[in-house]
N, C-alpha and C. Protein backbone atom coordinates (compact mmCIF):
# COMPACT_ATOMS: atom_id res chain seq x y z
N MET A 1 -25.36 -1.80 -10.85
CA MET A 1 -24.20 -1.42 -10.06
C MET A 1 -23.89 0.08 -10.21
N LYS A 2 -24.15 0.59 -11.40
CA LYS A 2 -23.89 2.01 -11.64
C LYS A 2 -24.65 2.88 -10.64
N GLU A 3 -25.91 2.54 -10.41
CA GLU A 3 -26.74 3.32 -9.48
C GLU A 3 -26.19 3.23 -8.06
N LEU A 4 -25.68 2.06 -7.68
CA LEU A 4 -25.09 1.89 -6.35
C LEU A 4 -23.86 2.77 -6.19
N VAL A 5 -23.00 2.79 -7.20
CA VAL A 5 -21.80 3.62 -7.15
C VAL A 5 -22.18 5.09 -7.03
N GLU A 6 -23.16 5.53 -7.81
CA GLU A 6 -23.61 6.92 -7.74
C GLU A 6 -24.15 7.25 -6.35
N ARG A 7 -24.94 6.36 -5.78
CA ARG A 7 -25.53 6.61 -4.47
C ARG A 7 -24.45 6.72 -3.39
N ILE A 8 -23.46 5.83 -3.43
CA ILE A 8 -22.37 5.87 -2.46
C ILE A 8 -21.59 7.17 -2.59
N LEU A 9 -21.24 7.53 -3.82
CA LEU A 9 -20.45 8.74 -4.04
C LEU A 9 -21.21 10.00 -3.65
N ARG A 10 -22.49 10.04 -3.93
CA ARG A 10 -23.28 11.22 -3.57
C ARG A 10 -23.33 11.41 -2.06
N GLY A 11 -23.15 10.33 -1.32
CA GLY A 11 -23.15 10.42 0.13
C GLY A 11 -21.87 10.95 0.73
N ILE A 12 -20.78 10.97 -0.06
CA ILE A 12 -19.50 11.40 0.51
C ILE A 12 -18.94 12.69 -0.07
N VAL A 13 -19.58 13.23 -1.12
CA VAL A 13 -19.05 14.44 -1.75
C VAL A 13 -19.83 15.68 -1.31
N LYS A 14 -19.23 16.85 -1.54
CA LYS A 14 -19.87 18.12 -1.20
C LYS A 14 -20.86 18.59 -2.26
N HIS A 15 -20.66 18.12 -3.50
CA HIS A 15 -21.52 18.52 -4.63
C HIS A 15 -22.16 17.27 -5.25
N PRO A 16 -23.13 16.66 -4.56
CA PRO A 16 -23.70 15.40 -5.05
C PRO A 16 -24.42 15.52 -6.39
N GLU A 17 -24.90 16.70 -6.72
CA GLU A 17 -25.62 16.87 -7.99
C GLU A 17 -24.69 16.78 -9.20
N GLU A 18 -23.38 16.86 -8.98
CA GLU A 18 -22.42 16.82 -10.09
C GLU A 18 -21.79 15.44 -10.28
N VAL A 19 -22.24 14.44 -9.53
CA VAL A 19 -21.67 13.09 -9.66
C VAL A 19 -22.23 12.43 -10.91
N VAL A 20 -21.32 11.95 -11.77
CA VAL A 20 -21.70 11.22 -12.97
C VAL A 20 -20.86 9.95 -13.02
N VAL A 21 -21.52 8.81 -13.21
CA VAL A 21 -20.82 7.53 -13.32
C VAL A 21 -21.18 6.91 -14.66
N VAL A 22 -20.16 6.52 -15.42
CA VAL A 22 -20.36 5.86 -16.70
C VAL A 22 -19.81 4.44 -16.56
N GLU A 23 -20.63 3.46 -16.90
CA GLU A 23 -20.25 2.05 -16.77
C GLU A 23 -20.14 1.43 -18.17
N PHE A 24 -19.02 0.73 -18.42
CA PHE A 24 -18.86 0.04 -19.70
C PHE A 24 -17.87 -1.10 -19.55
N ASP A 25 -17.84 -1.98 -20.56
CA ASP A 25 -16.89 -3.09 -20.59
C ASP A 25 -15.74 -2.74 -21.50
N GLU A 26 -14.53 -3.09 -21.06
CA GLU A 26 -13.33 -2.83 -21.85
C GLU A 26 -12.38 -4.01 -21.67
N GLU A 27 -12.16 -4.75 -22.73
CA GLU A 27 -11.25 -5.90 -22.71
C GLU A 27 -11.59 -6.88 -21.60
N GLY A 28 -12.87 -7.20 -21.44
CA GLY A 28 -13.32 -8.16 -20.45
C GLY A 28 -13.37 -7.64 -19.03
N ARG A 29 -13.12 -6.37 -18.85
CA ARG A 29 -13.16 -5.75 -17.51
C ARG A 29 -14.35 -4.81 -17.43
N LYS A 30 -14.94 -4.73 -16.27
CA LYS A 30 -16.00 -3.75 -16.03
C LYS A 30 -15.31 -2.46 -15.61
N VAL A 31 -15.61 -1.36 -16.30
CA VAL A 31 -14.97 -0.07 -16.03
C VAL A 31 -16.03 0.93 -15.57
N TYR A 32 -15.70 1.63 -14.50
CA TYR A 32 -16.56 2.70 -13.99
C TYR A 32 -15.76 3.99 -14.05
N GLU A 33 -16.22 4.93 -14.87
CA GLU A 33 -15.60 6.25 -14.93
C GLU A 33 -16.43 7.20 -14.07
N ILE A 34 -15.75 7.86 -13.16
CA ILE A 34 -16.42 8.73 -12.20
C ILE A 34 -16.02 10.17 -12.49
N VAL A 35 -17.01 11.03 -12.65
CA VAL A 35 -16.77 12.46 -12.84
C VAL A 35 -17.43 13.18 -11.67
N VAL A 36 -16.63 13.96 -10.94
CA VAL A 36 -17.14 14.74 -9.81
C VAL A 36 -16.56 16.14 -9.89
N ASN A 37 -17.09 17.03 -9.07
CA ASN A 37 -16.56 18.39 -8.97
C ASN A 37 -15.10 18.32 -8.56
N GLU A 38 -14.31 19.25 -9.04
CA GLU A 38 -12.87 19.28 -8.74
C GLU A 38 -12.59 19.25 -7.23
N GLU A 39 -13.43 19.92 -6.45
CA GLU A 39 -13.26 19.93 -5.00
C GLU A 39 -13.47 18.56 -4.36
N ASP A 40 -14.21 17.68 -5.02
CA ASP A 40 -14.57 16.39 -4.45
C ASP A 40 -13.63 15.25 -4.84
N VAL A 41 -12.69 15.49 -5.71
CA VAL A 41 -11.80 14.43 -6.17
C VAL A 41 -11.05 13.80 -4.99
N GLY A 42 -10.55 14.62 -4.09
CA GLY A 42 -9.83 14.11 -2.92
C GLY A 42 -10.71 13.25 -2.03
N GLN A 43 -11.97 13.64 -1.87
CA GLN A 43 -12.91 12.85 -1.07
C GLN A 43 -13.16 11.48 -1.69
N VAL A 44 -13.28 11.43 -3.01
CA VAL A 44 -13.55 10.18 -3.70
C VAL A 44 -12.35 9.25 -3.63
N ILE A 45 -11.16 9.79 -3.79
CA ILE A 45 -9.96 8.95 -3.75
C ILE A 45 -9.64 8.56 -2.32
N GLY A 46 -9.73 9.50 -1.40
CA GLY A 46 -9.46 9.22 0.00
C GLY A 46 -7.98 9.24 0.32
N LYS A 47 -7.68 9.23 1.60
CA LYS A 47 -6.29 9.25 2.05
C LYS A 47 -5.61 7.94 1.65
N ASP A 48 -4.51 8.06 0.94
CA ASP A 48 -3.76 6.91 0.41
C ASP A 48 -4.62 6.01 -0.47
N GLY A 49 -5.68 6.56 -1.06
CA GLY A 49 -6.54 5.80 -1.96
C GLY A 49 -7.48 4.83 -1.26
N ARG A 50 -7.67 5.00 0.02
CA ARG A 50 -8.48 4.05 0.79
C ARG A 50 -9.94 4.02 0.37
N THR A 51 -10.52 5.17 0.09
CA THR A 51 -11.94 5.21 -0.27
C THR A 51 -12.19 4.52 -1.60
N ILE A 52 -11.39 4.83 -2.60
CA ILE A 52 -11.59 4.24 -3.92
C ILE A 52 -11.29 2.74 -3.90
N LYS A 53 -10.30 2.33 -3.11
CA LYS A 53 -10.00 0.90 -2.97
C LYS A 53 -11.15 0.16 -2.30
N SER A 54 -11.74 0.78 -1.29
CA SER A 54 -12.88 0.17 -0.59
C SER A 54 -14.06 0.02 -1.54
N LEU A 55 -14.30 1.01 -2.36
CA LEU A 55 -15.38 0.94 -3.34
C LEU A 55 -15.13 -0.20 -4.32
N LYS A 56 -13.91 -0.35 -4.76
CA LYS A 56 -13.57 -1.43 -5.69
C LYS A 56 -13.77 -2.80 -5.04
N ILE A 57 -13.37 -2.94 -3.79
CA ILE A 57 -13.55 -4.21 -3.07
C ILE A 57 -15.03 -4.53 -2.92
N LEU A 58 -15.83 -3.52 -2.57
CA LEU A 58 -17.26 -3.71 -2.41
C LEU A 58 -17.91 -4.15 -3.72
N LEU A 59 -17.58 -3.49 -4.81
CA LEU A 59 -18.15 -3.85 -6.11
C LEU A 59 -17.73 -5.26 -6.52
N SER A 60 -16.48 -5.58 -6.29
CA SER A 60 -15.98 -6.91 -6.63
C SER A 60 -16.73 -7.99 -5.86
N ALA A 61 -16.96 -7.75 -4.58
CA ALA A 61 -17.68 -8.72 -3.75
C ALA A 61 -19.13 -8.86 -4.21
N LEU A 62 -19.78 -7.76 -4.55
CA LEU A 62 -21.17 -7.81 -5.00
C LEU A 62 -21.31 -8.51 -6.35
N MET A 63 -20.26 -8.43 -7.17
CA MET A 63 -20.30 -9.07 -8.48
C MET A 63 -19.81 -10.52 -8.41
N GLY A 64 -19.52 -11.00 -7.23
CA GLY A 64 -19.09 -12.38 -7.08
C GLY A 64 -17.63 -12.59 -7.39
N GLY A 65 -16.88 -11.53 -7.55
CA GLY A 65 -15.45 -11.64 -7.82
C GLY A 65 -15.12 -12.24 -9.17
N SER A 66 -16.12 -12.38 -10.04
CA SER A 66 -15.92 -13.04 -11.32
C SER A 66 -15.29 -12.13 -12.38
N LYS A 67 -15.47 -10.84 -12.25
CA LYS A 67 -14.95 -9.89 -13.24
C LYS A 67 -13.95 -8.95 -12.61
N GLU A 68 -12.98 -8.59 -13.39
CA GLU A 68 -12.04 -7.55 -12.96
C GLU A 68 -12.75 -6.20 -13.07
N ILE A 69 -12.43 -5.34 -12.12
CA ILE A 69 -13.09 -4.03 -12.09
C ILE A 69 -12.03 -2.93 -12.12
N THR A 70 -12.29 -1.91 -12.93
CA THR A 70 -11.42 -0.74 -12.97
C THR A 70 -12.29 0.47 -12.65
N ILE A 71 -11.78 1.31 -11.76
CA ILE A 71 -12.47 2.56 -11.42
C ILE A 71 -11.55 3.72 -11.78
N LYS A 72 -12.06 4.61 -12.61
CA LYS A 72 -11.29 5.78 -13.04
C LYS A 72 -11.98 7.05 -12.57
N VAL A 73 -11.22 7.93 -11.96
CA VAL A 73 -11.75 9.24 -11.58
C VAL A 73 -11.25 10.22 -12.64
N VAL A 74 -12.19 10.76 -13.40
CA VAL A 74 -11.87 11.65 -14.50
C VAL A 74 -11.86 13.08 -14.00
N ARG A 75 -10.79 13.81 -14.28
CA ARG A 75 -10.69 15.21 -13.84
C ARG A 75 -10.98 16.14 -14.96
């Protein structure tokens, strides 16, 4: 899943070479920490958080909805 998140994000940011995704489990939740260039933070979050919410919905559906997912954009 980490590779999928990286591929999606690299397609929407201006600095794809700076996209870093770290995947780990925390208290039974799957956590994805996303690090991007400062200029790309707005693109990743999207207007009213729509882009990041869509990414979360997509990941949840691909994982069968069995695990809670948290996505953090680290600045």
